[in-house]
């Protein structure tokens, strides 16, 4: 879940970015060149360091994201995934601390 958080937050850095397209983040030379500037690419670098084998096999969901046309669609999809896989799960959300920074308004 923390990976999803970093990835969707990191993908937001690419909104409107003309330098790197979604299809490029799987290329090692792009990751190496820009990983210190973009959180999303730092996550990809970490994955590449701890996993072995082809990226498409060990990180299939991320590999499929590289086929999405725009960062706006990537970011929107990752936010939906975060909501479904983290925020909608009671065992996870019950440990969140709500307060002035993260408020809770029951409906």
PDB file of N, CA and C in Angstrom:
ATOM      1  N   UNK A   1       0.814  -1.202   0.000  1.00  0.00           N
ATOM      2  CA  UNK A   1       0.000   0.000   0.000  1.00  0.00           C
ATOM      3  C   UNK A   1       0.852   1.257   0.000  1.00  0.00           C
ATOM      4  N   UNK A   2       1.978   1.265   0.725  1.00  0.00           N
ATOM      5  CA  UNK A   2       2.814   2.461   0.711  1.00  0.00           C
ATOM      6  C   UNK A   2       3.429   2.658  -0.659  1.00  0.00           C
ATOM      7  N   UNK A   3       3.648   1.561  -1.389  1.00  0.00           N
ATOM      8  CA  UNK A   3       4.144   1.673  -2.753  1.00  0.00           C
ATOM      9  C   UNK A   3       3.137   2.358  -3.648  1.00  0.00           C
ATOM     10  N   UNK A   4       1.877   1.990  -3.506  1.00  0.00           N
ATOM     11  CA  UNK A   4       0.828   2.630  -4.298  1.00  0.00           C
ATOM     12  C   UNK A   4       0.797   4.114  -3.979  1.00  0.00           C
ATOM     13  N   UNK A   5       0.912   4.472  -2.702  1.00  0.00           N
ATOM     14  CA  UNK A   5       0.894   5.874  -2.289  1.00  0.00           C
ATOM     15  C   UNK A   5       2.021   6.648  -2.958  1.00  0.00           C
ATOM     16  N   UNK A   6       3.230   6.135  -2.874  1.00  0.00           N
ATOM     17  CA  UNK A   6       4.375   6.819  -3.479  1.00  0.00           C
ATOM     18  C   UNK A   6       4.247   6.886  -4.990  1.00  0.00           C
ATOM     19  N   UNK A   7       3.735   5.834  -5.588  1.00  0.00           N
ATOM     20  CA  UNK A   7       3.620   5.819  -7.040  1.00  0.00           C
ATOM     21  C   UNK A   7       2.570   6.792  -7.538  1.00  0.00           C
ATOM     22  N   UNK A   8       1.399   6.839  -6.861  1.00  0.00           N
ATOM     23  CA  UNK A   8       0.400   7.785  -7.370  1.00  0.00           C
ATOM     24  C   UNK A   8       0.818   9.207  -7.047  1.00  0.00           C
ATOM     25  N   UNK A   9       1.417   9.431  -5.900  1.00  0.00           N
ATOM     26  CA  UNK A   9       1.919  10.771  -5.590  1.00  0.00           C
ATOM     27  C   UNK A   9       3.043  11.158  -6.515  1.00  0.00           C
ATOM     28  N   UNK A  10       3.906  10.212  -6.799  1.00  0.00           N
ATOM     29  CA  UNK A  10       5.020  10.468  -7.703  1.00  0.00           C
ATOM     30  C   UNK A  10       4.565  10.693  -9.131  1.00  0.00           C
ATOM     31  N   UNK A  11       3.538   9.968  -9.549  1.00  0.00           N
ATOM     32  CA  UNK A  11       3.061  10.148 -10.925  1.00  0.00           C
ATOM     33  C   UNK A  11       2.480  11.545 -11.120  1.00  0.00           C
ATOM     34  N   UNK A  12       2.007  12.170 -10.055  1.00  0.00           N
ATOM     35  CA  UNK A  12       1.472  13.533 -10.151  1.00  0.00           C
ATOM     36  C   UNK A  12       2.561  14.529 -10.554  1.00  0.00           C
ATOM     37  N   UNK A  13       3.818  14.210 -10.233  1.00  0.00           N
ATOM     38  CA  UNK A  13       4.914  15.093 -10.641  1.00  0.00           C
ATOM     39  C   UNK A  13       5.044  15.185 -12.163  1.00  0.00           C
ATOM     40  N   UNK A  14       4.524  14.201 -12.865  1.00  0.00           N
ATOM     41  CA  UNK A  14       4.646  14.180 -14.317  1.00  0.00           C
ATOM     42  C   UNK A  14       3.475  14.842 -15.035  1.00  0.00           C
ATOM     43  N   UNK A  15       2.465  15.278 -14.314  1.00  0.00           N
ATOM     44  CA  UNK A  15       1.332  15.931 -14.968  1.00  0.00           C
ATOM     45  C   UNK A  15       1.833  17.164 -15.721  1.00  0.00           C
ATOM     46  N   UNK A  16       1.613  17.190 -16.998  1.00  0.00           N
ATOM     47  CA  UNK A  16       2.081  18.303 -17.827  1.00  0.00           C
ATOM     48  C   UNK A  16       3.566  18.268 -18.150  1.00  0.00           C
ATOM     49  N   UNK A  17       4.249  17.167 -17.836  1.00  0.00           N
ATOM     50  CA  UNK A  17       5.682  17.059 -18.085  1.00  0.00           C
ATOM     51  C   UNK A  17       5.930  16.675 -19.545  1.00  0.00           C
ATOM     52  N   UNK A  18       6.605  17.528 -20.297  1.00  0.00           N
ATOM     53  CA  UNK A  18       6.846  17.215 -21.700  1.00  0.00           C
ATOM     54  C   UNK A  18       8.105  16.360 -21.933  1.00  0.00           C
ATOM     55  N   UNK A  19       8.878  16.112 -20.886  1.00  0.00           N
ATOM     56  CA  UNK A  19      10.166  15.429 -21.038  1.00  0.00           C
ATOM     57  C   UNK A  19      10.015  13.909 -21.048  1.00  0.00           C
ATOM     58  N   UNK A  20       9.239  13.368 -20.116  1.00  0.00           N
ATOM     59  CA  UNK A  20       9.134  11.922 -19.950  1.00  0.00           C
ATOM     60  C   UNK A  20       7.678  11.495 -20.151  1.00  0.00           C
ATOM     61  N   UNK A  21       7.468  10.561 -21.046  1.00  0.00           N
ATOM     62  CA  UNK A  21       6.127  10.019 -21.270  1.00  0.00           C
ATOM     63  C   UNK A  21       5.978   8.729 -20.467  1.00  0.00           C
ATOM     64  N   UNK A  22       4.752   8.272 -20.242  1.00  0.00           N
ATOM     65  CA  UNK A  22       4.552   7.039 -19.468  1.00  0.00           C
ATOM     66  C   UNK A  22       5.316   5.833 -20.031  1.00  0.00           C
ATOM     67  N   UNK A  23       5.425   5.739 -21.331  1.00  0.00           N
ATOM     68  CA  UNK A  23       6.113   4.583 -21.921  1.00  0.00           C
ATOM     69  C   UNK A  23       7.617   4.567 -21.632  1.00  0.00           C
ATOM     70  N   UNK A  24       8.175   5.694 -21.212  1.00  0.00           N
ATOM     71  CA  UNK A  24       9.613   5.781 -21.000  1.00  0.00           C
ATOM     72  C   UNK A  24      10.079   5.370 -19.608  1.00  0.00           C
ATOM     73  N   UNK A  25       9.189   5.316 -18.612  1.00  0.00           N
ATOM     74  CA  UNK A  25       9.665   5.066 -17.251  1.00  0.00           C
ATOM     75  C   UNK A  25      10.199   3.653 -17.030  1.00  0.00           C
ATOM     76  N   UNK A  26       9.960   2.757 -17.968  1.00  0.00           N
ATOM     77  CA  UNK A  26      10.494   1.398 -17.841  1.00  0.00           C
ATOM     78  C   UNK A  26      11.905   1.277 -18.422  1.00  0.00           C
ATOM     79  N   UNK A  27      12.415   2.322 -19.028  1.00  0.00           N
ATOM     80  CA  UNK A  27      13.752   2.289 -19.620  1.00  0.00           C
ATOM     81  C   UNK A  27      14.802   2.643 -18.559  1.00  0.00           C
ATOM     82  N   UNK A  28      15.749   1.749 -18.321  1.00  0.00           N
ATOM     83  CA  UNK A  28      16.763   1.979 -17.265  1.00  0.00           C
ATOM     84  C   UNK A  28      17.523   3.295 -17.408  1.00  0.00           C
ATOM     85  N   UNK A  29      17.798   3.728 -18.623  1.00  0.00           N
ATOM     86  CA  UNK A  29      18.544   4.976 -18.807  1.00  0.00           C
ATOM     87  C   UNK A  29      17.726   6.190 -18.367  1.00  0.00           C
ATOM     88  N   UNK A  30      16.423   6.148 -18.541  1.00  0.00           N
ATOM     89  CA  UNK A  30      15.545   7.237 -18.085  1.00  0.00           C
ATOM     90  C   UNK A  30      15.493   7.239 -16.560  1.00  0.00           C
ATOM     91  N   UNK A  31      15.337   6.052 -15.971  1.00  0.00           N
ATOM     92  CA  UNK A  31      15.303   5.937 -14.508  1.00  0.00           C
ATOM     93  C   UNK A  31      16.606   6.466 -13.918  1.00  0.00           C
ATOM     94  N   UNK A  32      17.739   6.050 -14.472  1.00  0.00           N
ATOM     95  CA  UNK A  32      19.040   6.478 -13.949  1.00  0.00           C
ATOM     96  C   UNK A  32      19.220   7.998 -14.056  1.00  0.00           C
ATOM     97  N   UNK A  33      18.779   8.562 -15.152  1.00  0.00           N
ATOM     98  CA  UNK A  33      18.985   9.997 -15.382  1.00  0.00           C
ATOM     99  C   UNK A  33      18.095  10.877 -14.504  1.00  0.00           C
ATOM    100  N   UNK A  34      16.866  10.436 -14.244  1.00  0.00           N
ATOM    101  CA  UNK A  34      15.890  11.313 -13.585  1.00  0.00           C
ATOM    102  C   UNK A  34      15.421  10.849 -12.204  1.00  0.00           C
ATOM    103  N   UNK A  35      15.951   9.744 -11.684  1.00  0.00           N
ATOM    104  CA  UNK A  35      15.416   9.198 -10.428  1.00  0.00           C
ATOM    105  C   UNK A  35      15.582  10.139  -9.231  1.00  0.00           C
ATOM    106  N   UNK A  36      16.563  10.991  -9.257  1.00  0.00           N
ATOM    107  CA  UNK A  36      16.743  11.918  -8.130  1.00  0.00           C
ATOM    108  C   UNK A  36      15.792  13.105  -8.213  1.00  0.00           C
ATOM    109  N   UNK A  37      15.178  13.302  -9.363  1.00  0.00           N
ATOM    110  CA  UNK A  37      14.268  14.435  -9.555  1.00  0.00           C
ATOM    111  C   UNK A  37      12.794  14.071  -9.404  1.00  0.00           C
ATOM    112  N   UNK A  38      12.469  12.781  -9.562  1.00  0.00           N
ATOM    113  CA  UNK A  38      11.075  12.353  -9.564  1.00  0.00           C
ATOM    114  C   UNK A  38      10.863  11.154  -8.643  1.00  0.00           C
ATOM    115  N   UNK A  39       9.928  11.296  -7.696  1.00  0.00           N
ATOM    116  CA  UNK A  39       9.638  10.243  -6.728  1.00  0.00           C
ATOM    117  C   UNK A  39       9.202   8.942  -7.415  1.00  0.00           C
ATOM    118  N   UNK A  40       8.400   9.049  -8.454  1.00  0.00           N
ATOM    119  CA  UNK A  40       7.933   7.862  -9.175  1.00  0.00           C
ATOM    120  C   UNK A  40       9.123   7.062  -9.713  1.00  0.00           C
ATOM    121  N   UNK A  41      10.088   7.753 -10.308  1.00  0.00           N
ATOM    122  CA  UNK A  41      11.252   7.067 -10.861  1.00  0.00           C
ATOM    123  C   UNK A  41      12.167   6.530  -9.767  1.00  0.00           C
ATOM    124  N   UNK A  42      12.185   7.161  -8.614  1.00  0.00           N
ATOM    125  CA  UNK A  42      12.933   6.621  -7.467  1.00  0.00           C
ATOM    126  C   UNK A  42      12.304   5.299  -7.029  1.00  0.00           C
ATOM    127  N   UNK A  43      10.985   5.206  -7.060  1.00  0.00           N
ATOM    128  CA  UNK A  43      10.297   3.948  -6.740  1.00  0.00           C
ATOM    129  C   UNK A  43      10.649   2.870  -7.761  1.00  0.00           C
ATOM    130  N   UNK A  44      10.670   3.232  -9.036  1.00  0.00           N
ATOM    131  CA  UNK A  44      11.018   2.278 -10.091  1.00  0.00           C
ATOM    132  C   UNK A  44      12.465   1.817  -9.915  1.00  0.00           C
ATOM    133  N   UNK A  45      13.346   2.745  -9.573  1.00  0.00           N
ATOM    134  CA  UNK A  45      14.753   2.385  -9.331  1.00  0.00           C
ATOM    135  C   UNK A  45      14.848   1.369  -8.194  1.00  0.00           C
ATOM    136  N   UNK A  46      14.129   1.611  -7.103  1.00  0.00           N
ATOM    137  CA  UNK A  46      14.148   0.694  -5.965  1.00  0.00           C
ATOM    138  C   UNK A  46      13.645  -0.692  -6.377  1.00  0.00           C
ATOM    139  N   UNK A  47      12.552  -0.720  -7.108  1.00  0.00           N
ATOM    140  CA  UNK A  47      12.009  -1.996  -7.577  1.00  0.00           C
ATOM    141  C   UNK A  47      13.050  -2.738  -8.405  1.00  0.00           C
ATOM    142  N   UNK A  48      13.717  -2.021  -9.297  1.00  0.00           N
ATOM    143  CA  UNK A  48      14.740  -2.650 -10.141  1.00  0.00           C
ATOM    144  C   UNK A  48      15.926  -3.167  -9.335  1.00  0.00           C
ATOM    145  N   UNK A  49      16.195  -2.531  -8.202  1.00  0.00           N
ATOM    146  CA  UNK A  49      17.316  -2.971  -7.358  1.00  0.00           C
ATOM    147  C   UNK A  49      16.982  -4.218  -6.542  1.00  0.00           C
ATOM    148  N   UNK A  50      15.747  -4.366  -6.134  1.00  0.00           N
ATOM    149  CA  UNK A  50      15.385  -5.488  -5.255  1.00  0.00           C
ATOM    150  C   UNK A  50      14.756  -6.670  -5.986  1.00  0.00           C
ATOM    151  N   UNK A  51      14.303  -6.467  -7.198  1.00  0.00           N
ATOM    152  CA  UNK A  51      13.685  -7.552  -7.969  1.00  0.00           C
ATOM    153  C   UNK A  51      14.639  -8.000  -9.069  1.00  0.00           C
ATOM    154  N   UNK A  52      14.505  -9.252  -9.459  1.00  0.00           N
ATOM    155  CA  UNK A  52      15.319  -9.766 -10.550  1.00  0.00           C
ATOM    156  C   UNK A  52      14.416 -10.232 -11.686  1.00  0.00           C
ATOM    157  N   UNK A  53      14.981 -10.324 -12.860  1.00  0.00           N
ATOM    158  CA  UNK A  53      14.222 -10.760 -14.019  1.00  0.00           C
ATOM    159  C   UNK A  53      13.646  -9.586 -14.777  1.00  0.00           C
ATOM    160  N   UNK A  54      12.941  -9.883 -15.841  1.00  0.00           N
ATOM    161  CA  UNK A  54      12.340  -8.824 -16.666  1.00  0.00           C
ATOM    162  C   UNK A  54      11.303  -8.015 -15.878  1.00  0.00           C
ATOM    163  N   UNK A  55      11.334  -6.711 -16.047  1.00  0.00           N
ATOM    164  CA  UNK A  55      10.416  -5.804 -15.352  1.00  0.00           C
ATOM    165  C   UNK A  55       8.959  -6.203 -15.592  1.00  0.00           C
ATOM    166  N   UNK A  56       8.649  -6.576 -16.828  1.00  0.00           N
ATOM    167  CA  UNK A  56       7.272  -6.943 -17.181  1.00  0.00           C
ATOM    168  C   UNK A  56       6.775  -8.146 -16.387  1.00  0.00           C
ATOM    169  N   UNK A  57       7.681  -8.991 -15.929  1.00  0.00           N
ATOM    170  CA  UNK A  57       7.279 -10.178 -15.172  1.00  0.00           C
ATOM    171  C   UNK A  57       7.150  -9.893 -13.670  1.00  0.00           C
ATOM    172  N   UNK A  58       8.105  -9.179 -13.078  1.00  0.00           N
ATOM    173  CA  UNK A  58       8.050  -8.963 -11.627  1.00  0.00           C
ATOM    174  C   UNK A  58       7.181  -7.779 -11.227  1.00  0.00           C
ATOM    175  N   UNK A  59       6.869  -6.893 -12.151  1.00  0.00           N
ATOM    176  CA  UNK A  59       6.042  -5.719 -11.846  1.00  0.00           C
ATOM    177  C   UNK A  59       5.023  -5.513 -12.962  1.00  0.00           C
ATOM    178  N   UNK A  60       4.187  -6.501 -13.156  1.00  0.00           N
ATOM    179  CA  UNK A  60       3.263  -6.518 -14.277  1.00  0.00           C
ATOM    180  C   UNK A  60       2.312  -5.332 -14.304  1.00  0.00           C
ATOM    181  N   UNK A  61       1.790  -4.934 -13.142  1.00  0.00           N
ATOM    182  CA  UNK A  61       0.855  -3.791 -13.126  1.00  0.00           C
ATOM    183  C   UNK A  61       1.557  -2.510 -13.551  1.00  0.00           C
ATOM    184  N   UNK A  62       2.772  -2.292 -13.053  1.00  0.00           N
ATOM    185  CA  UNK A  62       3.507  -1.102 -13.467  1.00  0.00           C
ATOM    186  C   UNK A  62       3.852  -1.171 -14.950  1.00  0.00           C
ATOM    187  N   UNK A  63       4.224  -2.345 -15.418  1.00  0.00           N
ATOM    188  CA  UNK A  63       4.535  -2.512 -16.839  1.00  0.00           C
ATOM    189  C   UNK A  63       3.313  -2.130 -17.683  1.00  0.00           C
ATOM    190  N   UNK A  64       2.130  -2.544 -17.255  1.00  0.00           N
ATOM    191  CA  UNK A  64       0.933  -2.212 -18.028  1.00  0.00           C
ATOM    192  C   UNK A  64       0.643  -0.714 -17.996  1.00  0.00           C
ATOM    193  N   UNK A  65       1.022  -0.047 -16.913  1.00  0.00           N
ATOM    194  CA  UNK A  65       0.841   1.407 -16.832  1.00  0.00           C
ATOM    195  C   UNK A  65       1.670   2.121 -17.887  1.00  0.00           C
ATOM    196  N   UNK A  66       2.813   1.544 -18.255  1.00  0.00           N
ATOM    197  CA  UNK A  66       3.663   2.188 -19.259  1.00  0.00           C
ATOM    198  C   UNK A  66       2.978   2.266 -20.619  1.00  0.00           C
ATOM    199  N   UNK A  67       1.902   1.535 -20.802  1.00  0.00           N
ATOM    200  CA  UNK A  67       1.146   1.589 -22.048  1.00  0.00           C
ATOM    201  C   UNK A  67       0.039   2.628 -22.066  1.00  0.00           C
ATOM    202  N   UNK A  68      -0.153   3.321 -20.943  1.00  0.00           N
ATOM    203  CA  UNK A  68      -1.191   4.357 -20.866  1.00  0.00           C
ATOM    204  C   UNK A  68      -0.689   5.609 -21.589  1.00  0.00           C
ATOM    205  N   UNK A  69      -1.582   6.286 -22.272  1.00  0.00           N
ATOM    206  CA  UNK A  69      -1.197   7.392 -23.156  1.00  0.00           C
ATOM    207  C   UNK A  69      -0.663   8.641 -22.443  1.00  0.00           C
ATOM    208  N   UNK A  70      -1.271   9.002 -21.299  1.00  0.00           N
ATOM    209  CA  UNK A  70      -0.891  10.270 -20.655  1.00  0.00           C
ATOM    210  C   UNK A  70      -0.682  10.084 -19.159  1.00  0.00           C
ATOM    211  N   UNK A  71       0.094  10.991 -18.572  1.00  0.00           N
ATOM    212  CA  UNK A  71       0.296  10.952 -17.119  1.00  0.00           C
ATOM    213  C   UNK A  71      -0.990  11.281 -16.377  1.00  0.00           C
ATOM    214  N   UNK A  72      -1.869  12.056 -16.981  1.00  0.00           N
ATOM    215  CA  UNK A  72      -3.151  12.372 -16.349  1.00  0.00           C
ATOM    216  C   UNK A  72      -3.954  11.091 -16.138  1.00  0.00           C
ATOM    217  N   UNK A  73      -3.962  10.219 -17.152  1.00  0.00           N
ATOM    218  CA  UNK A  73      -4.676   8.947 -17.026  1.00  0.00           C
ATOM    219  C   UNK A  73      -3.968   8.009 -16.065  1.00  0.00           C
ATOM    220  N   UNK A  74      -2.634   7.998 -16.085  1.00  0.00           N
ATOM    221  CA  UNK A  74      -1.866   7.167 -15.142  1.00  0.00           C
ATOM    222  C   UNK A  74      -2.191   7.577 -13.717  1.00  0.00           C
ATOM    223  N   UNK A  75      -2.101   8.875 -13.446  1.00  0.00           N
ATOM    224  CA  UNK A  75      -2.338   9.384 -12.098  1.00  0.00           C
ATOM    225  C   UNK A  75      -3.762   9.109 -11.644  1.00  0.00           C
ATOM    226  N   UNK A  76      -4.732   9.324 -12.515  1.00  0.00           N
ATOM    227  CA  UNK A  76      -6.125   9.058 -12.168  1.00  0.00           C
ATOM    228  C   UNK A  76      -6.354   7.587 -11.848  1.00  0.00           C
ATOM    229  N   UNK A  77      -5.745   6.706 -12.631  1.00  0.00           N
ATOM    230  CA  UNK A  77      -5.876   5.270 -12.381  1.00  0.00           C
ATOM    231  C   UNK A  77      -5.231   4.849 -11.074  1.00  0.00           C
ATOM    232  N   UNK A  78      -4.064   5.420 -10.761  1.00  0.00           N
ATOM    233  CA  UNK A  78      -3.388   5.084  -9.506  1.00  0.00           C
ATOM    234  C   UNK A  78      -4.163   5.604  -8.295  1.00  0.00           C
ATOM    235  N   UNK A  79      -4.791   6.761  -8.432  1.00  0.00           N
ATOM    236  CA  UNK A  79      -5.617   7.281  -7.339  1.00  0.00           C
ATOM    237  C   UNK A  79      -6.808   6.355  -7.106  1.00  0.00           C
ATOM    238  N   UNK A  80      -7.453   5.908  -8.184  1.00  0.00           N
ATOM    239  CA  UNK A  80      -8.569   4.968  -8.036  1.00  0.00           C
ATOM    240  C   UNK A  80      -8.109   3.679  -7.367  1.00  0.00           C
ATOM    241  N   UNK A  81      -6.927   3.178  -7.755  1.00  0.00           N
ATOM    242  CA  UNK A  81      -6.395   1.955  -7.159  1.00  0.00           C
ATOM    243  C   UNK A  81      -6.106   2.165  -5.670  1.00  0.00           C
ATOM    244  N   UNK A  82      -5.544   3.312  -5.312  1.00  0.00           N
ATOM    245  CA  UNK A  82      -5.243   3.620  -3.916  1.00  0.00           C
ATOM    246  C   UNK A  82      -6.518   3.670  -3.082  1.00  0.00           C
ATOM    247  N   UNK A  83      -7.554   4.304  -3.630  1.00  0.00           N
ATOM    248  CA  UNK A  83      -8.832   4.367  -2.917  1.00  0.00           C
ATOM    249  C   UNK A  83      -9.402   2.976  -2.696  1.00  0.00           C
ATOM    250  N   UNK A  84      -9.352   2.133  -3.735  1.00  0.00           N
ATOM    251  CA  UNK A  84      -9.936   0.792  -3.644  1.00  0.00           C
ATOM    252  C   UNK A  84      -9.102  -0.146  -2.781  1.00  0.00           C
ATOM    253  N   UNK A  85      -7.776  -0.084  -2.923  1.00  0.00           N
ATOM    254  CA  UNK A  85      -6.905  -1.053  -2.268  1.00  0.00           C
ATOM    255  C   UNK A  85      -6.450  -0.638  -0.869  1.00  0.00           C
ATOM    256  N   UNK A  86      -6.566   0.647  -0.541  1.00  0.00           N
ATOM    257  CA  UNK A  86      -6.106   1.112   0.768  1.00  0.00           C
ATOM    258  C   UNK A  86      -7.235   1.771   1.556  1.00  0.00           C
ATOM    259  N   UNK A  87      -7.756   2.849   1.027  1.00  0.00           N
ATOM    260  CA  UNK A  87      -8.737   3.627   1.788  1.00  0.00           C
ATOM    261  C   UNK A  87     -10.061   2.905   1.990  1.00  0.00           C
ATOM    262  N   UNK A  88     -10.428   2.027   1.074  1.00  0.00           N
ATOM    263  CA  UNK A  88     -11.702   1.315   1.204  1.00  0.00           C
ATOM    264  C   UNK A  88     -11.598   0.065   2.078  1.00  0.00           C
ATOM    265  N   UNK A  89     -10.412  -0.271   2.514  1.00  0.00           N
ATOM    266  CA  UNK A  89     -10.216  -1.479   3.323  1.00  0.00           C
ATOM    267  C   UNK A  89     -10.262  -1.121   4.806  1.00  0.00           C
ATOM    268  N   UNK A  90     -11.242  -1.630   5.508  1.00  0.00           N
ATOM    269  CA  UNK A  90     -11.402  -1.316   6.926  1.00  0.00           C
ATOM    270  C   UNK A  90     -10.161  -1.648   7.764  1.00  0.00           C
ATOM    271  N   UNK A  91      -9.529  -2.811   7.590  1.00  0.00           N
ATOM    272  CA  UNK A  91      -8.348  -3.112   8.414  1.00  0.00           C
ATOM    273  C   UNK A  91      -7.221  -2.090   8.247  1.00  0.00           C
ATOM    274  N   UNK A  92      -7.179  -1.422   7.103  1.00  0.00           N
ATOM    275  CA  UNK A  92      -6.142  -0.411   6.875  1.00  0.00           C
ATOM    276  C   UNK A  92      -6.584   0.934   7.420  1.00  0.00           C
ATOM    277  N   UNK A  93      -7.765   1.379   7.010  1.00  0.00           N
ATOM    278  CA  UNK A  93      -8.228   2.726   7.339  1.00  0.00           C
ATOM    279  C   UNK A  93      -8.501   2.908   8.828  1.00  0.00           C
ATOM    280  N   UNK A  94      -8.770   1.832   9.564  1.00  0.00           N
ATOM    281  CA  UNK A  94      -9.050   1.974  10.995  1.00  0.00           C
ATOM    282  C   UNK A  94      -7.839   2.491  11.764  1.00  0.00           C
ATOM    283  N   UNK A  95      -6.641   2.400  11.171  1.00  0.00           N
ATOM    284  CA  UNK A  95      -5.434   2.851  11.848  1.00  0.00           C
ATOM    285  C   UNK A  95      -5.038   4.279  11.485  1.00  0.00           C
ATOM    286  N   UNK A  96      -5.784   4.906  10.578  1.00  0.00           N
ATOM    287  CA  UNK A  96      -5.504   6.291  10.234  1.00  0.00           C
ATOM    288  C   UNK A  96      -5.881   7.199  11.395  1.00  0.00           C
ATOM    289  N   UNK A  97      -5.087   8.199  11.624  1.00  0.00           N
ATOM    290  CA  UNK A  97      -5.391   9.195  12.649  1.00  0.00           C
ATOM    291  C   UNK A  97      -6.022  10.391  11.937  1.00  0.00           C
ATOM    292  N   UNK A  98      -7.248  10.702  12.298  1.00  0.00           N
ATOM    293  CA  UNK A  98      -7.927  11.832  11.691  1.00  0.00           C
ATOM    294  C   UNK A  98      -7.793  13.034  12.610  1.00  0.00           C
ATOM    295  N   UNK A  99      -7.627  14.187  12.024  1.00  0.00           N
ATOM    296  CA  UNK A  99      -7.464  15.408  12.796  1.00  0.00           C
ATOM    297  C   UNK A  99      -7.578  16.592  11.886  1.00  0.00           C
ATOM    298  N   UNK A 100      -6.817  17.648  12.178  1.00  0.00           N
ATOM    299  CA  UNK A 100      -6.939  18.856  11.380  1.00  0.00           C
ATOM    300  C   UNK A 100      -6.331  18.698   9.993  1.00  0.00           C
ATOM    301  N   UNK A 101      -5.319  17.843   9.839  1.00  0.00           N
ATOM    302  CA  UNK A 101      -4.721  17.652   8.523  1.00  0.00           C
ATOM    303  C   UNK A 101      -5.503  16.667   7.673  1.00  0.00           C
ATOM    304  N   UNK A 102      -6.071  15.659   8.292  1.00  0.00           N
ATOM    305  CA  UNK A 102      -6.862  14.661   7.598  1.00  0.00           C
ATOM    306  C   UNK A 102      -8.177  14.541   8.355  1.00  0.00           C
ATOM    307  N   UNK A 103      -9.178  15.277   7.871  1.00  0.00           N
ATOM    308  CA  UNK A 103     -10.445  15.294   8.613  1.00  0.00           C
ATOM    309  C   UNK A 103     -11.372  14.193   8.143  1.00  0.00           C
ATOM    310  N   UNK A 104     -12.336  13.894   8.955  1.00  0.00           N
ATOM    311  CA  UNK A 104     -13.317  12.869   8.651  1.00  0.00           C
ATOM    312  C   UNK A 104     -14.702  13.435   8.889  1.00  0.00           C
ATOM    313  N   UNK A 105     -15.524  13.432   7.854  1.00  0.00           N
ATOM    314  CA  UNK A 105     -16.885  13.928   7.951  1.00  0.00           C
ATOM    315  C   UNK A 105     -17.833  12.794   7.587  1.00  0.00           C
ATOM    316  N   UNK A 106     -18.411  12.113   8.586  1.00  0.00           N
ATOM    317  CA  UNK A 106     -19.330  10.997   8.266  1.00  0.00           C
ATOM    318  C   UNK A 106     -20.568  11.519   7.548  1.00  0.00           C
ATOM    319  N   UNK A 107     -21.063  10.701   6.648  1.00  0.00           N
ATOM    320  CA  UNK A 107     -22.253  11.113   5.865  1.00  0.00           C
ATOM    321  C   UNK A 107     -23.501  10.585   6.483  1.00  0.00           C
TER     322      UNK A 107
END
